[in-house]
Every structure is written in C-alpha cells, then in structure tokens.
C-alpha cells in the first residue's frame, strides 16, 4: 500500500472512497477495468490518509444531512483498515454530525464497527450492503480468494439483523457456466430472506467485462477452469454484457421469490431506499 494526500473525498452524489484499489482478489472485479485509469497496481492500495479531515470539512459545511456512502469503487474494509482505522474514523464523524451511512463490503471486518452502525441508525440511518453471489464456499474461495466466504458474510448479515440495522445484498455478478444455476440463486435468496434483508440488487443474470477486467478474468478461468475462457470468447466475443444462457429463467425466479418475501428487488428502488433518510418527528408544543 501507499499513502496520498487527497484533494477531495466526497462526490456530488455523497459517495466516498477512503481506499483506491483492492486486495480481495475477486476474479470478476469491474474496478480493474482500464476506464478507471489506475496509475498503480490494483493490489497496491492507495490510502487517502487525510480522508477523515476531508470528510469533516464537508460535514461541517452541509446544511442538510444525507446518507454518506462508501464502497462502490473500492471496499472500505481492506485488510489494512484493521490497523489504519480510517473507515472507522469516518464513521465516527458521520455519527457525530448526525448524518446517515451506507457501506458496500465483502469483509467481516465490518463487524468491528457494528456499534457505530447501530448508533448512526438510531440517530439517522445506516445500511450495510454486502455482496453474496456464490453459495458454495469452496467455489467462493477460488473466485474471491482473499475475502471471507459467503457463509461468513451471511453470519455478518445475521448480526446486523439482530442489531436492527437494515441490510441490502448485491447478488451480482452471476458468472455464466459457473454460478448461473437455479440452485446457486435459490440458496443465496434463502440466505437473504432468513437474514431479513431489505433489498437485493441483481442487475441481470450475468457479468460485465471490459478492457482490463476481461483479461484478468480470463487468466483466472484458464488457471482454474481450463477451456472455459475459450467458450466465453466464442459465445460473447468482446461484449460488455455477458449474460447467462439461462438469464430469463433465473431473473423470473429472482423477481418472483423477492415478491413472495416482500423484499425490494428493483435496483433503482433499492438505491432510493438506501439514500433516503427517515423523516424526523417534530414535537408540537401544547402552548403553540
């Protein structure tokens, strides 16, 4: 990892990334794509050491509270976070200033900060977003080698459920010829329903591949599933959207199961829920 003094932190859409790059090693990660213009190796984590100071400056100036989100580009719970605690310091500021918080992660390190998520949720709102795409832990260790397994992430969701902090699951991507099976999708859905998730984001039954990301993914397929990258090349070429041959059936299953269990399943609806702060109740004086 290496340290930088960032000039800005929070985007116009209230998102931030304390770290840039990722050590999780997920073979399908879109953030590796060339369009994001990484000037350093993806695994060489760029640490914005002044992130808390930048965030506090933003929070102090805001007249209206909102949900500050993190994790859309790089997981805020990189292994180095255990020592650096920059994400935790940012959450402490969010809690102090009465803002909401939402994180996207695959790491069980988020449990360390459950106390803050609980406090933020009581004052404003907090949402844990967690990726679950591979029901089989053995396959998860191959495709997501440096992060906790799906079973462990399910346990994290249950811990947040017990604390009353809402959760949303990203059930994406579903990898053609690897994880695009009815059994895999149903197992993940059952875990989500048991953990009481508020919503599930699944854009489609497939994966997106583009320059940088595609090459890394194909090298991983060649290592672990010889011949599969050739099948991808023949079927999909250089397509950006690489959808499962069973996409329609899997998406029907996904939507019908979510409807049955009362779980949000339209991506935009999930995003609106995550970003919306509850209306504050105001007390009316008896003497007014």
Protein backbone atom coordinates (compact mmCIF):
# COMPACT_ATOMS: atom_id res chain seq x y z
CA UNK A 1 0.00 0.00 0.00
CA UNK A 2 0.99 3.63 -0.37
CA UNK A 3 -0.26 6.89 1.14
CA UNK A 4 -1.51 10.03 -0.56
CA UNK A 5 -2.90 13.40 0.49
CA UNK A 6 -6.21 13.55 -1.38
CA UNK A 7 -7.62 16.87 -2.57
CA UNK A 8 -11.27 15.81 -2.39
CA UNK A 9 -13.19 12.90 -0.93
CA UNK A 10 -16.98 13.19 -1.17
CA UNK A 11 -18.58 13.19 -4.63
CA UNK A 12 -21.59 15.15 -5.76
CA UNK A 13 -23.68 12.05 -5.07
CA UNK A 14 -22.42 11.80 -1.49
CA UNK A 15 -20.10 8.87 -2.16
CA UNK A 16 -16.53 8.49 -0.95
CA UNK A 17 -13.64 6.05 -1.25
CA UNK A 18 -11.09 6.06 1.56
CA UNK A 19 -9.02 3.48 -0.32
CA UNK A 20 -8.33 3.02 -4.03
CA UNK A 21 -7.56 -0.47 -5.26
CA UNK A 22 -8.40 -3.75 -3.56
CA UNK A 23 -6.66 -6.77 -2.02
CA UNK A 24 -9.65 -9.14 -2.13
CA UNK A 25 -8.60 -10.65 -5.46
CA UNK A 26 -12.11 -11.31 -6.82
CA UNK A 27 -11.61 -12.58 -10.35
CA UNK A 28 -14.59 -10.69 -11.81
CA UNK A 29 -13.95 -7.23 -10.31
CA UNK A 30 -15.08 -4.44 -12.65
CA UNK A 31 -12.93 -1.89 -10.81
CA UNK A 32 -9.90 -3.35 -12.58
CA UNK A 33 -11.22 -2.00 -15.89
CA UNK A 34 -8.89 0.29 -17.83
CA UNK A 35 -11.52 3.04 -17.94
CA UNK A 36 -10.85 3.80 -14.25
CA UNK A 37 -7.27 4.78 -15.13
CA UNK A 38 -5.36 3.25 -12.26
CA UNK A 39 -1.80 4.54 -12.30
CA UNK A 40 -0.60 1.94 -9.80
CA UNK A 41 -1.07 -1.84 -9.48
CA UNK A 42 -4.62 -2.62 -8.39
CA UNK A 43 -3.44 -4.57 -5.33
CA UNK A 44 -1.18 -1.70 -4.21
CA UNK A 45 -3.82 0.01 -2.10
CA UNK A 46 -3.83 3.79 -2.30
CA UNK A 47 -4.62 5.12 1.17
CA UNK A 48 -6.13 8.59 1.47
CA UNK A 49 -4.63 9.30 4.85
CA UNK A 50 -6.36 12.68 5.18
CA UNK A 51 -9.81 11.20 4.44
CA UNK A 52 -11.26 11.93 7.92
CA UNK A 53 -10.16 15.57 7.78
CA UNK A 54 -11.64 15.99 4.30
CA UNK A 55 -14.89 14.35 5.38
CA UNK A 56 -15.21 16.52 8.48
CA UNK A 57 -14.76 19.61 6.35
CA UNK A 58 -17.67 18.50 4.15
CA UNK A 59 -19.94 17.57 7.05
CA UNK A 60 -19.33 20.87 8.81
CA UNK A 61 -20.47 22.82 5.75
CA UNK A 62 -23.57 20.79 4.92
CA UNK A 63 -26.80 22.44 5.97
CA UNK A 64 -28.84 19.32 5.27
CA UNK A 65 -27.95 15.82 6.40
CA UNK A 66 -27.82 12.93 3.94
CA UNK A 67 -26.54 9.36 3.67
CA UNK A 68 -22.78 9.21 3.00
CA UNK A 69 -21.98 6.05 1.09
CA UNK A 70 -18.71 4.20 0.54
CA UNK A 71 -17.56 1.06 -1.23
CA UNK A 72 -18.87 1.47 -4.76
CA UNK A 73 -15.34 1.53 -6.19
CA UNK A 74 -13.10 0.03 -3.51
CA UNK A 75 -14.06 -1.93 -0.41
CA UNK A 76 -13.75 0.31 2.67
CA UNK A 77 -12.71 -2.71 4.75
CA UNK A 78 -9.39 -3.55 3.15
CA UNK A 79 -7.08 -5.69 5.33
CA UNK A 80 -5.04 -2.57 6.17
CA UNK A 81 -8.19 -0.99 7.69
CA UNK A 82 -7.75 -3.27 10.71
CA UNK A 83 -4.70 -1.20 11.65
CA UNK A 84 -5.32 2.16 9.97
CA UNK A 85 -8.98 2.51 11.10
CA UNK A 86 -9.68 5.27 8.58
CA UNK A 87 -13.11 3.91 7.71
CA UNK A 88 -13.98 3.74 11.39
CA UNK A 89 -12.82 7.32 11.94
CA UNK A 90 -15.03 8.43 9.06
CA UNK A 91 -18.00 6.58 10.57
CA UNK A 92 -17.31 8.26 13.90
CA UNK A 93 -17.55 11.65 12.20
CA UNK A 94 -20.75 10.68 10.40
CA UNK A 95 -22.22 9.61 13.73
CA UNK A 96 -21.06 12.79 15.49
CA UNK A 97 -22.57 15.11 12.89
CA UNK A 98 -25.86 13.22 12.62
CA UNK A 99 -25.53 12.01 9.04
CA UNK A 100 -26.51 8.61 7.65
CA UNK A 101 -24.05 5.99 6.41
CA UNK A 102 -24.04 3.15 3.91
CA UNK A 103 -21.17 0.79 3.09
CA UNK A 104 -20.67 -1.90 0.47
CA UNK A 105 -18.28 -4.63 1.59
CA UNK A 106 -17.41 -8.32 1.45
CA UNK A 107 -15.35 -8.23 4.64
CA UNK A 108 -16.36 -9.42 8.09
CA UNK A 109 -14.15 -6.66 9.50
CA UNK A 110 -17.30 -4.54 9.29
CA UNK A 111 -18.47 -6.31 12.47
CA UNK A 112 -15.85 -4.34 14.40
CA UNK A 113 -17.88 -1.20 13.71
CA UNK A 114 -21.34 -2.59 14.45
CA UNK A 115 -21.57 -0.26 17.45
CA UNK A 116 -21.23 2.74 15.16
CA UNK A 117 -23.71 1.42 12.62
CA UNK A 118 -26.17 0.90 15.46
CA UNK A 119 -25.68 4.43 16.80
CA UNK A 120 -25.88 6.02 13.35
CA UNK A 121 -29.05 4.07 12.60
CA UNK A 122 -30.66 5.30 15.82
CA UNK A 123 -29.78 8.93 15.07
CA UNK A 124 -30.32 8.95 11.29
CA UNK A 125 -29.92 5.77 9.22
CA UNK A 126 -27.28 3.20 8.38
CA UNK A 127 -27.34 0.43 5.79
CA UNK A 128 -24.95 -2.47 5.33
CA UNK A 129 -24.65 -3.59 1.71
CA UNK A 130 -22.93 -6.93 1.28
CA UNK A 131 -22.14 -8.97 -1.84
CA UNK A 132 -23.35 -12.58 -1.96
CA UNK A 133 -23.09 -14.30 -5.33
CA UNK A 134 -21.53 -17.72 -4.71
CA UNK A 135 -23.37 -20.13 -2.41
CA UNK A 136 -20.65 -22.78 -2.41
CA UNK A 137 -17.80 -21.77 -0.08
CA UNK A 138 -15.24 -23.89 -1.93
CA UNK A 139 -16.00 -22.08 -5.18
CA UNK A 140 -16.10 -18.75 -3.32
CA UNK A 141 -12.53 -19.31 -2.14
CA UNK A 142 -11.46 -19.79 -5.77
CA UNK A 143 -13.30 -16.82 -7.24
CA UNK A 144 -12.98 -14.47 -4.22
CA UNK A 145 -9.70 -15.77 -2.76
CA UNK A 146 -8.71 -13.12 -0.22
CA UNK A 147 -12.01 -12.35 1.48
CA UNK A 148 -14.30 -14.20 3.86
CA UNK A 149 -16.66 -16.83 2.46
CA UNK A 150 -20.33 -16.45 1.67
CA UNK A 151 -21.23 -18.38 4.84
CA UNK A 152 -19.29 -15.88 6.93
CA UNK A 153 -20.94 -12.94 5.14
CA UNK A 154 -24.33 -14.48 5.88
CA UNK A 155 -23.33 -14.55 9.56
CA UNK A 156 -22.45 -10.85 9.32
CA UNK A 157 -25.89 -10.11 7.87
CA UNK A 158 -27.50 -12.01 10.74
CA UNK A 159 -25.50 -9.98 13.28
CA UNK A 160 -26.69 -6.72 11.73
CA UNK A 161 -30.25 -8.11 11.62
CA UNK A 162 -30.09 -8.86 15.35
CA UNK A 163 -28.96 -5.28 15.97
CA UNK A 164 -31.77 -3.82 13.86
CA UNK A 165 -29.50 -2.29 11.21
CA UNK A 166 -31.00 -2.71 7.71
CA UNK A 167 -29.12 -4.63 5.05
CA UNK A 168 -29.10 -4.89 1.26
CA UNK A 169 -27.43 -7.70 -0.69
CA UNK A 170 -25.73 -7.41 -4.08
CA UNK A 171 -26.41 -10.69 -5.85
CA UNK A 172 -24.22 -9.80 -8.76
CA UNK A 173 -22.42 -10.89 -10.83
CA UNK A 174 -23.70 -14.33 -11.74
CA UNK A 175 -20.97 -15.95 -13.81
CA UNK A 176 -22.06 -17.90 -16.92
CA UNK A 177 -21.32 -21.62 -16.65
CA UNK A 178 -20.08 -21.20 -13.06
CA UNK A 179 -22.64 -19.64 -10.73
CA UNK A 180 -25.64 -19.12 -13.03
CA UNK A 181 -27.62 -22.09 -11.72
CA UNK A 182 -31.04 -22.24 -10.15
CA UNK A 183 -29.56 -23.98 -7.09
CA UNK A 184 -26.99 -21.23 -6.53
CA UNK A 185 -29.53 -18.42 -6.93
CA UNK A 186 -32.12 -20.11 -4.70
CA UNK A 187 -29.59 -20.81 -1.95
CA UNK A 188 -28.42 -17.21 -1.90
CA UNK A 189 -32.01 -15.97 -1.88
CA UNK A 190 -32.86 -18.26 1.04
CA UNK A 191 -29.91 -16.85 2.99
CA UNK A 192 -31.08 -13.31 2.23
CA UNK A 193 -34.65 -13.99 3.33
CA UNK A 194 -33.50 -15.69 6.52
CA UNK A 195 -31.24 -12.73 7.30
CA UNK A 196 -34.15 -10.33 6.83
CA UNK A 197 -32.56 -8.19 4.12
CA UNK A 198 -34.45 -5.12 2.98
CA UNK A 199 -33.49 -5.44 -0.67
CA UNK A 200 -31.45 -7.42 -3.19
CA UNK A 201 -29.66 -5.80 -6.13
CA UNK A 202 -29.36 -8.01 -9.20
CA UNK A 203 -28.97 -6.11 -12.46
CA UNK A 204 -29.09 -9.25 -14.60
CA UNK A 205 -28.03 -12.87 -14.58
CA UNK A 206 -24.55 -12.28 -15.92
CA UNK A 207 -21.32 -10.33 -15.59
CA UNK A 208 -19.86 -7.24 -17.26
CA UNK A 209 -16.44 -7.48 -18.89
CA UNK A 210 -14.33 -4.75 -20.43
CA UNK A 211 -10.69 -4.00 -21.11
CA UNK A 212 -8.51 -4.74 -18.09
CA UNK A 213 -11.23 -6.62 -16.24
CA UNK A 214 -11.80 -9.10 -19.07
CA UNK A 215 -8.15 -10.12 -19.39
CA UNK A 216 -7.77 -10.67 -15.64
CA UNK A 217 -10.95 -12.74 -15.55
CA UNK A 218 -9.90 -14.93 -18.47
CA UNK A 219 -6.49 -15.59 -16.90
CA UNK A 220 -8.27 -16.74 -13.74
CA UNK A 221 -10.54 -19.02 -15.78
CA UNK A 222 -7.51 -20.50 -17.51
CA UNK A 223 -5.90 -21.28 -14.16
CA UNK A 224 -8.92 -22.87 -12.50
CA UNK A 225 -11.26 -23.92 -15.32
CA UNK A 226 -9.22 -24.79 -18.43
CA UNK A 227 -11.16 -24.27 -21.66
CA UNK A 228 -13.86 -22.07 -20.17
CA UNK A 229 -12.35 -18.80 -21.42
CA UNK A 230 -12.45 -20.21 -24.96
CA UNK A 231 -16.17 -20.83 -24.53
CA UNK A 232 -16.61 -17.23 -23.39
CA UNK A 233 -14.69 -15.89 -26.37
CA UNK A 234 -16.69 -17.93 -28.86
CA UNK A 235 -20.06 -17.10 -27.33
CA UNK A 236 -19.57 -13.48 -26.26
CA UNK A 237 -16.61 -12.05 -28.14
CA UNK A 238 -15.74 -8.67 -26.61
CA UNK A 239 -19.28 -7.93 -25.41
CA UNK A 240 -19.62 -5.76 -22.32
CA UNK A 241 -22.74 -7.52 -21.05
CA UNK A 242 -22.05 -11.25 -20.72
CA UNK A 243 -25.38 -12.80 -19.79
CA UNK A 244 -26.18 -16.35 -18.75
CA UNK A 245 -27.87 -18.61 -21.31
CA UNK A 246 -30.50 -19.11 -18.55
CA UNK A 247 -30.89 -15.40 -17.83
CA UNK A 248 -34.64 -15.18 -18.36
CA UNK A 249 -35.49 -18.16 -16.15
CA UNK A 250 -33.11 -17.04 -13.40
CA UNK A 251 -34.43 -13.49 -13.37
CA UNK A 252 -38.02 -14.76 -13.22
CA UNK A 253 -37.04 -16.86 -10.21
CA UNK A 254 -35.30 -13.89 -8.60
CA UNK A 255 -38.18 -11.46 -9.00
CA UNK A 256 -40.91 -13.92 -8.04
CA UNK A 257 -39.09 -15.02 -4.86
CA UNK A 258 -38.44 -11.44 -3.80
CA UNK A 259 -42.08 -10.53 -4.42
CA UNK A 260 -43.18 -13.50 -2.35
CA UNK A 261 -41.00 -12.45 0.59
CA UNK A 262 -41.65 -8.71 0.38
CA UNK A 263 -38.05 -7.82 -0.46
CA UNK A 264 -37.11 -4.88 -2.69
CA UNK A 265 -35.71 -6.16 -5.99
CA UNK A 266 -35.70 -3.29 -8.47
CA UNK A 267 -32.18 -1.75 -8.37
CA UNK A 268 -33.41 1.84 -8.50
CA UNK A 269 -35.91 1.13 -5.74
CA UNK A 270 -33.10 -0.32 -3.62
CA UNK A 271 -30.92 2.73 -4.25
CA UNK A 272 -33.73 5.12 -3.33
CA UNK A 273 -34.24 3.23 -0.08
CA UNK A 274 -30.54 3.35 0.76
CA UNK A 275 -30.25 7.08 0.10
CA UNK A 276 -33.44 8.19 1.84
CA UNK A 277 -33.27 9.44 5.41
CA UNK A 278 -36.37 8.90 7.55
CA UNK A 279 -38.43 11.99 8.24
CA UNK A 280 -37.68 13.35 11.67
CA UNK A 281 -40.62 13.59 14.00
CA UNK A 282 -41.17 17.08 15.35
CA UNK A 283 -42.78 17.77 18.68
CA UNK A 284 -45.53 20.39 18.72
CA UNK A 285 -45.72 22.46 21.88
CA UNK A 286 -49.02 22.39 23.76
CA UNK A 287 -48.69 26.15 24.16
CA UNK A 288 -48.42 26.96 20.42
